[in-house]
Each structure stands twice: as C-alpha cells, then as structure tokens.
Amino acid sequence: MSEKQQLGFALAALAGGIAWGTVRYRNSERVGLLALLQGLEWFVAYGGAAAVITWLRETVEADELVIDEDDERVTHFRRVVTEHTGTDG
C-alpha cells in the first residue's frame, strides 16, 4: 500500500473514530475531547502517524536536493603558508 493510500485510510479511521467516540461518550461532559482522542487513537493505530512522518521527511529531503547555483556561498577560507629558506635541498 502506498503512503498516499495509507494516509487516506488513516484519515478515514480518524473520522470513524471521532464518530464512534461521539456515540460512545454522548453522555459525558467532555464528549468532544473524548471523541477526538478516540479518533486520534484510531488514526495512529491505522498507520496515520507513520504516513505523515514519511510525507514530511520526503518533503524536507526534496527541498534539500534543490540546489541553485546562485545560492552558493563561501563558508570558510583556507590559508596555505609555504616557507622558503632560500636554499634548495
């Protein structure tokens, strides 16, 4: 399963978890929070967190690969000193 499909499946699990949490905790004062936590639990359980992290990593790595020649800069200088004594040998 591709990362895009995995993320879609996990988002569907998030929505289902929120719906289930709303029904399950409908008599609680914190129904919204508990339903969101239920949805997040299902999202993580179905691989949503791993898919999001993979997507973020690929995005960051793709940005690093784009190198423009105009963006080159000098980061340090090296000085080489050669000592001449006046005699060869």
Protein backbone atom coordinates (compact mmCIF):
# COMPACT_ATOMS: atom_id res chain seq x y z
CA MET A 1 0.00 0.00 0.00
CA SER A 2 1.43 3.38 -0.95
CA GLU A 3 1.91 6.15 1.59
CA LYS A 4 -0.89 8.16 -0.01
CA GLN A 5 -3.32 5.27 0.30
CA GLN A 6 -2.16 4.61 3.87
CA LEU A 7 -2.75 8.23 4.82
CA GLY A 8 -6.22 8.19 3.22
CA PHE A 9 -7.09 5.02 5.12
CA ALA A 10 -5.85 6.53 8.39
CA LEU A 11 -7.86 9.73 7.79
CA ALA A 12 -10.95 7.60 7.26
CA ALA A 13 -10.14 5.82 10.55
CA LEU A 14 -9.81 9.25 12.22
CA ALA A 15 -13.27 10.25 11.03
CA GLY A 16 -14.71 6.89 12.07
CA GLY A 17 -13.05 7.14 15.48
CA ILE A 18 -14.49 10.60 16.05
CA ALA A 19 -17.94 9.38 15.06
CA TRP A 20 -17.66 6.32 17.28
CA GLY A 21 -16.31 8.42 20.16
CA THR A 22 -19.22 10.83 19.83
CA VAL A 23 -21.71 7.98 20.12
CA ARG A 24 -19.76 6.19 22.85
CA TYR A 25 -19.28 9.24 25.08
CA ARG A 26 -22.50 11.12 24.25
CA ASN A 27 -23.48 11.38 27.93
CA SER A 28 -20.12 12.78 29.05
CA GLU A 29 -19.38 16.45 29.68
CA ARG A 30 -16.22 16.13 27.57
CA VAL A 31 -17.74 14.41 24.57
CA GLY A 32 -15.77 16.49 22.06
CA LEU A 33 -12.39 15.87 23.65
CA LEU A 34 -13.03 12.17 24.20
CA ALA A 35 -14.28 11.73 20.63
CA LEU A 36 -11.19 13.50 19.27
CA LEU A 37 -8.93 11.29 21.37
CA GLN A 38 -10.73 8.20 20.10
CA GLY A 39 -10.25 9.41 16.53
CA LEU A 40 -6.56 10.12 17.09
CA GLU A 41 -6.11 6.68 18.62
CA TRP A 42 -7.59 5.06 15.53
CA PHE A 43 -5.56 7.36 13.24
CA VAL A 44 -2.31 6.28 14.88
CA ALA A 45 -3.37 2.62 15.04
CA TYR A 46 -4.01 2.53 11.30
CA GLY A 47 -0.60 3.99 10.41
CA GLY A 48 -1.51 7.65 10.04
CA ALA A 49 1.35 8.95 12.15
CA ALA A 50 3.93 6.94 10.20
CA ALA A 51 2.46 8.12 6.90
CA VAL A 52 2.54 11.78 8.00
CA ILE A 53 6.15 11.47 9.20
CA THR A 54 7.21 9.80 5.95
CA TRP A 55 5.48 12.51 3.92
CA LEU A 56 7.18 15.26 5.96
CA ARG A 57 10.59 13.58 5.65
CA GLU A 58 10.23 13.26 1.86
CA THR A 59 9.19 16.90 1.61
CA VAL A 60 12.18 18.09 3.62
CA GLU A 61 14.62 15.87 1.70
CA ALA A 62 13.22 17.06 -1.63
CA ASP A 63 13.79 20.68 -0.58
CA GLU A 64 17.42 19.89 0.31
CA LEU A 65 18.06 18.34 -3.10
CA VAL A 66 17.16 21.55 -4.92
CA ILE A 67 20.47 23.39 -5.20
CA ASP A 68 20.61 26.57 -7.20
CA GLU A 69 23.99 27.75 -8.47
CA ASP A 70 23.18 31.30 -7.39
CA ASP A 71 22.76 30.11 -3.81
CA GLU A 72 26.39 29.05 -3.40
CA ARG A 73 28.29 30.79 -0.66
CA VAL A 74 31.73 30.70 0.88
CA THR A 75 31.61 29.21 4.34
CA HIS A 76 35.32 29.39 5.23
CA PHE A 77 38.75 30.24 3.84
CA ARG A 78 41.88 28.14 3.99
CA ARG A 79 45.28 29.79 4.09
CA VAL A 80 48.28 27.77 2.97
CA VAL A 81 51.66 29.12 4.03
CA THR A 82 54.80 27.86 2.36
CA GLU A 83 58.14 28.67 3.88
CA HIS A 84 61.10 29.28 1.55
CA THR A 85 64.51 29.30 3.18
CA GLY A 86 66.42 30.43 0.17
CA THR A 87 68.27 27.16 -0.30
CA ASP A 88 67.07 24.22 -2.26
CA GLY A 89 67.53 20.83 -0.78
